[in-house]
Amino acid sequence: SHFSTDQVFKASSQALDYAEKHNVKRVLDIDYRPVLWGLAGKADGETRLVADQKVSQHVQRILPRFDLIVGTEEEFLIAGGSTDLLGALRTVRELTAATLVVKLGPQGCTVIHGAIPARLEDGAIYPGVRVEVLNVLGAGDAFMSGFLSGWLTEASDERCCQLANACGGLVVSRHACAPAMPTP
C-alpha cells in the first residue's frame, strides 16, 4: 500500500533513493490493502486478498530495492502474482535477494534466506505466542517493530522472530492497539 498512488509512489521512491545512496537498510512491509488500491470498497476494509495482476506487477517492480521484505501469506501471493504460496515466493526470489519473512498468523513466522524450500516446513518455523485474540488491529505493526528491533542489531533469525511474535501477540491480546504497543 506504500506504493498504491502516484504521490506515495514518488515519495517512497525518493526515500529509497536516499537510503540506497547512504547505505541505509531498506525494508518493505508489503501491507497489501485492496481498499487503498481501489479494488474494494471502504466497507470491505478488512478484505486482505483481492488478486490483481496490475498490483502484482507494480509491487514486483519495487521488490529488488529492498534488503528485507515482510508479509503475510496473502501478501506474498499478491507480490508473487500467484495463488500458490511457494510459487509466489519463488517469483519474489527471482526478483530480489532480500531476506523474506512470511507471517503465518498464530503459527508464527518463517525467515527465508536464499532459495525457496520445497515446503515451508523444510525451513525453521518460529512459533507464535498463544494468546486470546481480542483485536487484530496493529498486530502487523507490532510484529514488524519487534522483528526490526532484533534485525537492525543483527540478532539471530530466532531472536528476531521471538521478538516479533511476542510484540504481535501482546497487541492482539488487548482491546486497543496503540496503548498496547510495546515500548522499550
Foldseek 3Di string as FASTA:
>chain_A
DCCLDPVSVVVVVVVLVVCVVVVHAFEEELPDFCVSNVNDPPVVRVDRADADVVQLVVLLVCLASHQEYEYELRSLCNVQVHPDSLNSVQSSVVRYQHWYWYQHPQQFIFIDGPDRDPDSVVGDGAGADDADFQDQPCLQVQLVVQLCVQVVVPHDPNNSRVRSRVQSRQQRRDNDRPVSGDDD
